[in-house]
Structures are given as structure tokens and as C-alpha cells.
Amino acid sequence: MFTTRFQRAALAVVGAAVLPLALTACSGDSGKDKDTDSSASSAATDTAETPADNAAGTGDKPFGTACASVPKSGAGSFDGMSKDPVATAASNNPDLSTLVTAVKEAGLVDTLNNAKDITVFAPTNEAFAKIPKADLDKVLADKAMLTKILTYHVVGEKLDPKALESGTFPTLEKSTLTTAGSGESYTVNDTSKVVCGNVPTANATVYIVDTVLMPKM
């Protein structure tokens, strides 16, 4: 019943790809023209690098509509989260409080904080709210099931947005999940949408998602 209800909660993917700019410089006949063209080319390159560096898949900046709700300063900000290991970083983000409670119930805080170079797909509070309360309470009370679900959200390597365009990755739970998308629009298992991606922590890259992922039971 829990799996069936969860699977009905999937949302459609929205968003558009961010495309880099392509600029071409021309050269002149005289030395002066060449110098001028060289300067123009350099300026054009600098201009072109900015959107490309910021584009998902080419830069290292967080992206997504839900990123706007992240605090601008303090421990829960992107800068603050980047200094803490992932479970601690998540505990400072108010949108991830249900996930943090679940991680504590499963006894996974130290496991996640001590892991090296991992990727965590972190469901928001709203993602957990899609699960009927009775089912969620049942999972929270079953440590084995809760551990299975939570470890399914963890991949044992750091994934940049480019890797998410089309990939299948083994999880800490010992099965696999799949990702697809481009630009700033990505899904996990065709059901869960990345709403704030490429968030750095001291030991992990975090992709905040809008639907809890479910392994096969």
C-alpha cells in the first residue's frame, strides 16, 4: 500500500535547458587591427564564460526554483552548508527537517557525516507530506525499512549536473536509481524532480527533490 500511494505522488518535469553562448572573433590586416581584434576577442570570451560557468552542468553553483528559499547567510545558507558534513548541513536547512528527523531515527547521522564524496538526493518536507501520515508513521517506526529508504537516496560518488543528464547509479541501499534531464531540469526515477540542485556540503553534493524515492521492497 505504501509503495502504491507513493508512486501516485510523482510530479511532471518542468524547466528549460540553459544554453551557452558561442562567440567568434575576427582578425584584421594591420597590427593595430589585430591588437584591437585580440582585445575584443578576449572580452567576448570573458562575456561568454559567465553564463556558461553558471549553467547547470558546466559550473559549480546551485540551481533550481527552490534554491530561493535557502537562507542568504548563516549555517543554513549555501556557504554555511558547504562547511559542514551533509547530515549536519541538512539539519540547518528548515526545508529538510523531516528528512533530518528520519535520518536520526535510522541512526544514519554518523554514517552520512563520515562518508567521503557522496551524492544525496534530499526530499523536502513537502515530499514527505505527500505520503499519507499513517504510512509515514509506520515507516518512521520501522528502522529497517526507514534505513532501506534513506540509503536508497545516497550514491557513493559525487555527481555533477552533467552526470545526471542520463545515468544509472548504484546506491548505498545496494540497488540503482536513474536520472535524466538537462540544463536546470532533472528527474530521478522519472518521478522525483530536482528543485534545488548542485548544493555543496563538506563531504557531499546534494540535490533537493520534491518526491521521496522508493526502492523495491
Protein backbone atom coordinates (compact mmCIF):
# COMPACT_ATOMS: atom_id res chain seq x y z
CA MET A 1 0.00 0.00 0.00
CA PHE A 2 2.79 2.42 0.95
CA THR A 3 4.62 1.95 -2.33
CA THR A 4 1.44 2.30 -4.41
CA ARG A 5 0.41 5.52 -2.69
CA PHE A 6 3.91 6.92 -3.01
CA GLN A 7 4.16 6.19 -6.69
CA ARG A 8 0.95 8.15 -7.35
CA ALA A 9 2.61 11.24 -5.88
CA ALA A 10 5.05 11.79 -8.75
CA LEU A 11 5.14 15.18 -10.43
CA ALA A 12 5.86 16.12 -14.04
CA VAL A 13 9.13 17.69 -15.01
CA VAL A 14 9.23 21.37 -15.93
CA GLY A 15 12.06 23.65 -16.83
CA ALA A 16 14.24 24.60 -19.74
CA ALA A 17 17.84 23.95 -20.65
CA VAL A 18 20.37 26.71 -20.29
CA LEU A 19 22.45 27.04 -23.42
CA PRO A 20 25.95 28.54 -23.53
CA LEU A 21 26.77 31.40 -25.89
CA ALA A 22 29.12 30.92 -28.84
CA LEU A 23 31.19 33.87 -29.96
CA THR A 24 33.65 34.11 -32.87
CA ALA A 25 36.33 36.77 -33.17
CA CYS A 26 37.60 38.14 -36.48
CA SER A 27 41.15 39.30 -37.23
CA GLY A 28 42.20 42.37 -39.26
CA ASP A 29 45.10 43.08 -41.67
CA SER A 30 47.14 45.65 -39.68
CA GLY A 31 48.96 45.10 -36.41
CA LYS A 32 46.71 47.68 -34.79
CA ASP A 33 43.60 45.90 -36.04
CA LYS A 34 44.97 42.62 -34.77
CA ASP A 35 45.54 44.11 -31.33
CA THR A 36 42.05 45.57 -31.34
CA ASP A 37 40.53 42.32 -32.51
CA SER A 38 42.54 40.39 -29.93
CA SER A 39 41.18 42.60 -27.14
CA ALA A 40 37.65 42.26 -28.49
CA SER A 41 38.04 38.51 -28.71
CA SER A 42 39.29 38.34 -25.12
CA ALA A 43 36.41 40.48 -23.90
CA ALA A 44 33.93 38.37 -25.86
CA THR A 45 35.38 35.19 -24.34
CA ASP A 46 35.11 36.63 -20.84
CA THR A 47 31.50 37.56 -21.52
CA ALA A 48 30.70 34.14 -22.89
CA GLU A 49 32.23 32.31 -19.94
CA THR A 50 29.89 33.85 -17.40
CA PRO A 51 26.60 32.24 -18.49
CA ALA A 52 28.38 29.02 -19.36
CA ASP A 53 30.01 28.81 -15.94
CA ASN A 54 26.66 29.47 -14.27
CA ALA A 55 24.75 26.99 -16.40
CA ALA A 56 23.78 23.70 -14.79
CA GLY A 57 26.21 21.03 -15.82
CA THR A 58 29.09 23.45 -16.53
CA GLY A 59 29.51 25.40 -13.30
CA ASP A 60 29.52 24.73 -9.59
CA LYS A 61 26.62 26.91 -8.48
CA PRO A 62 23.32 25.63 -7.04
CA PHE A 63 20.33 25.91 -9.35
CA GLY A 64 16.56 25.45 -9.23
CA THR A 65 13.41 27.27 -8.13
CA ALA A 66 13.55 26.04 -4.52
CA CYS A 67 17.04 27.50 -4.06
CA ALA A 68 15.37 30.87 -3.48
CA SER A 69 14.10 29.65 -0.09
CA VAL A 70 17.60 28.83 1.18
CA PRO A 71 18.77 31.40 3.77
CA LYS A 72 21.16 34.02 2.39
CA SER A 73 23.51 33.80 5.36
CA GLY A 74 24.27 31.66 8.38
CA ALA A 75 24.67 27.90 8.80
CA GLY A 76 21.68 27.14 6.57
CA SER A 77 22.96 29.20 3.63
CA PHE A 78 24.82 27.65 0.71
CA ASP A 79 28.09 28.96 2.11
CA GLY A 80 27.27 27.64 5.58
CA MET A 81 26.20 24.22 4.29
CA SER A 82 29.41 23.89 2.29
CA LYS A 83 31.43 23.95 5.53
CA ASP A 84 29.51 21.15 7.30
CA PRO A 85 29.19 17.41 6.55
CA VAL A 86 25.93 16.55 4.85
CA ALA A 87 23.71 15.44 7.77
CA THR A 88 24.75 18.47 9.80
CA ALA A 89 24.28 20.75 6.80
CA ALA A 90 20.78 19.38 6.21
CA SER A 91 19.86 19.99 9.84
CA ASN A 92 20.43 23.70 9.26
CA ASN A 93 18.03 23.83 6.31
CA PRO A 94 14.42 24.28 7.51
CA ASP A 95 13.02 22.67 4.34
CA LEU A 96 14.75 19.38 5.22
CA SER A 97 13.62 18.98 8.83
CA THR A 98 11.52 15.84 8.19
CA LEU A 99 14.45 14.21 6.40
CA VAL A 100 16.74 15.07 9.30
CA THR A 101 14.27 13.51 11.75
CA ALA A 102 14.18 10.36 9.63
CA VAL A 103 17.99 10.20 9.43
CA LYS A 104 18.21 10.48 13.21
CA GLU A 105 15.55 7.79 13.71
CA ALA A 106 17.51 5.46 11.42
CA GLY A 107 20.79 6.19 13.21
CA LEU A 108 22.44 7.36 9.99
CA VAL A 109 23.83 10.73 11.08
CA ASP A 110 27.39 9.49 11.62
CA THR A 111 27.24 7.26 8.53
CA LEU A 112 26.39 10.20 6.29
CA ASN A 113 28.67 12.69 8.01
CA ASN A 114 31.67 10.39 7.82
CA ALA A 115 31.15 9.26 4.22
CA LYS A 116 33.50 10.63 1.55
CA ASP A 117 32.49 12.19 -1.76
CA ILE A 118 28.85 11.12 -1.92
CA THR A 119 25.68 12.44 -3.55
CA VAL A 120 22.48 12.76 -1.54
CA PHE A 121 19.04 13.20 -3.07
CA ALA A 122 17.28 15.01 -0.23
CA PRO A 123 13.46 15.04 -0.14
CA THR A 124 11.84 18.24 1.11
CA ASN A 125 9.28 18.39 3.89
CA GLU A 126 6.61 18.68 1.19
CA ALA A 127 7.90 15.49 -0.40
CA PHE A 128 7.37 13.60 2.84
CA ALA A 129 3.97 15.29 3.26
CA LYS A 130 2.78 13.54 0.08
CA ILE A 131 2.95 10.24 1.97
CA PRO A 132 -0.21 9.50 3.99
CA LYS A 133 0.52 10.18 7.66
CA ALA A 134 -0.30 6.64 8.75
CA ASP A 135 2.15 5.21 6.23
CA LEU A 136 4.85 7.71 7.13
CA ASP A 137 4.45 6.99 10.84
CA LYS A 138 4.74 3.28 10.08
CA VAL A 139 7.99 3.80 8.19
CA LEU A 140 9.47 6.05 10.88
CA ALA A 141 8.72 3.34 13.44
CA ASP A 142 10.37 0.60 11.34
CA LYS A 143 14.12 1.21 11.48
CA ALA A 144 14.98 -1.45 8.90
CA MET A 145 12.52 -0.09 6.35
CA LEU A 146 13.46 3.50 7.09
CA THR A 147 17.15 2.71 6.65
CA LYS A 148 16.45 0.99 3.34
CA ILE A 149 14.53 4.00 2.03
CA LEU A 150 17.02 6.61 3.21
CA THR A 151 20.12 4.79 1.95
CA TYR A 152 18.41 4.49 -1.43
CA HIS A 153 18.78 8.28 -1.66
CA VAL A 154 22.59 8.09 -1.40
CA VAL A 155 25.05 7.45 -4.25
CA GLY A 156 28.65 6.66 -3.36
CA GLU A 157 30.23 9.25 -5.64
CA LYS A 158 29.87 12.96 -6.26
CA LEU A 159 27.64 13.62 -9.27
CA ASP A 160 27.74 16.93 -11.09
CA PRO A 161 24.69 18.05 -13.11
CA LYS A 162 26.26 16.80 -16.35
CA ALA A 163 26.32 13.27 -14.94
CA LEU A 164 22.59 13.48 -14.21
CA GLU A 165 21.65 14.04 -17.86
CA SER A 166 21.36 10.30 -18.44
CA GLY A 167 22.68 7.88 -15.88
CA THR A 168 22.12 4.85 -13.68
CA PHE A 169 23.90 4.84 -10.34
CA PRO A 170 24.31 2.29 -7.53
CA THR A 171 23.01 3.45 -4.18
CA LEU A 172 24.07 2.79 -0.61
CA GLU A 173 20.95 0.63 -0.36
CA LYS A 174 22.56 -1.72 -2.95
CA SER A 175 20.14 -1.15 -5.82
CA THR A 176 20.19 1.55 -8.51
CA LEU A 177 18.42 4.78 -9.37
CA THR A 178 18.27 6.57 -12.71
CA THR A 179 18.47 10.23 -13.60
CA ALA A 180 17.62 12.23 -16.70
CA GLY A 181 17.38 15.84 -17.83
CA SER A 182 19.46 18.83 -18.87
CA GLY A 183 20.07 22.48 -18.05
CA GLU A 184 18.24 23.11 -14.79
CA SER A 185 15.59 20.40 -15.21
CA TYR A 186 16.32 16.90 -13.87
CA THR A 187 14.31 13.95 -12.61
CA VAL A 188 15.21 10.90 -10.57
CA ASN A 189 13.49 7.62 -11.46
CA ASP A 190 11.21 9.60 -13.80
CA THR A 191 9.12 10.71 -10.82
CA SER A 192 11.07 12.94 -8.48
CA LYS A 193 12.04 16.40 -9.68
CA VAL A 194 15.23 18.19 -8.60
CA VAL A 195 14.05 21.54 -7.18
CA CYS A 196 17.41 22.79 -5.92
CA GLY A 197 20.47 21.05 -7.26
CA ASN A 198 24.25 21.01 -7.02
CA VAL A 199 24.28 22.14 -3.39
CA PRO A 200 27.74 21.64 -1.87
CA THR A 201 28.46 20.32 1.61
CA ALA A 202 31.82 19.40 3.13
CA ASN A 203 31.58 15.77 2.01
CA ALA A 204 28.66 15.57 -0.41
CA THR A 205 26.77 17.12 -3.29
CA VAL A 206 23.07 17.49 -2.52
CA TYR A 207 20.14 17.51 -4.93
CA ILE A 208 16.95 18.54 -3.16
CA VAL A 209 13.98 16.65 -4.63
CA ASP A 210 10.21 17.03 -4.45
CA THR A 211 9.25 13.35 -4.06
CA VAL A 212 10.60 10.61 -1.78
CA LEU A 213 12.38 7.88 -3.75
CA MET A 214 11.31 4.30 -3.13
CA PRO A 215 13.48 1.20 -3.58
CA LYS A 216 11.88 -2.12 -4.43
CA MET A 217 10.60 -3.74 -1.27
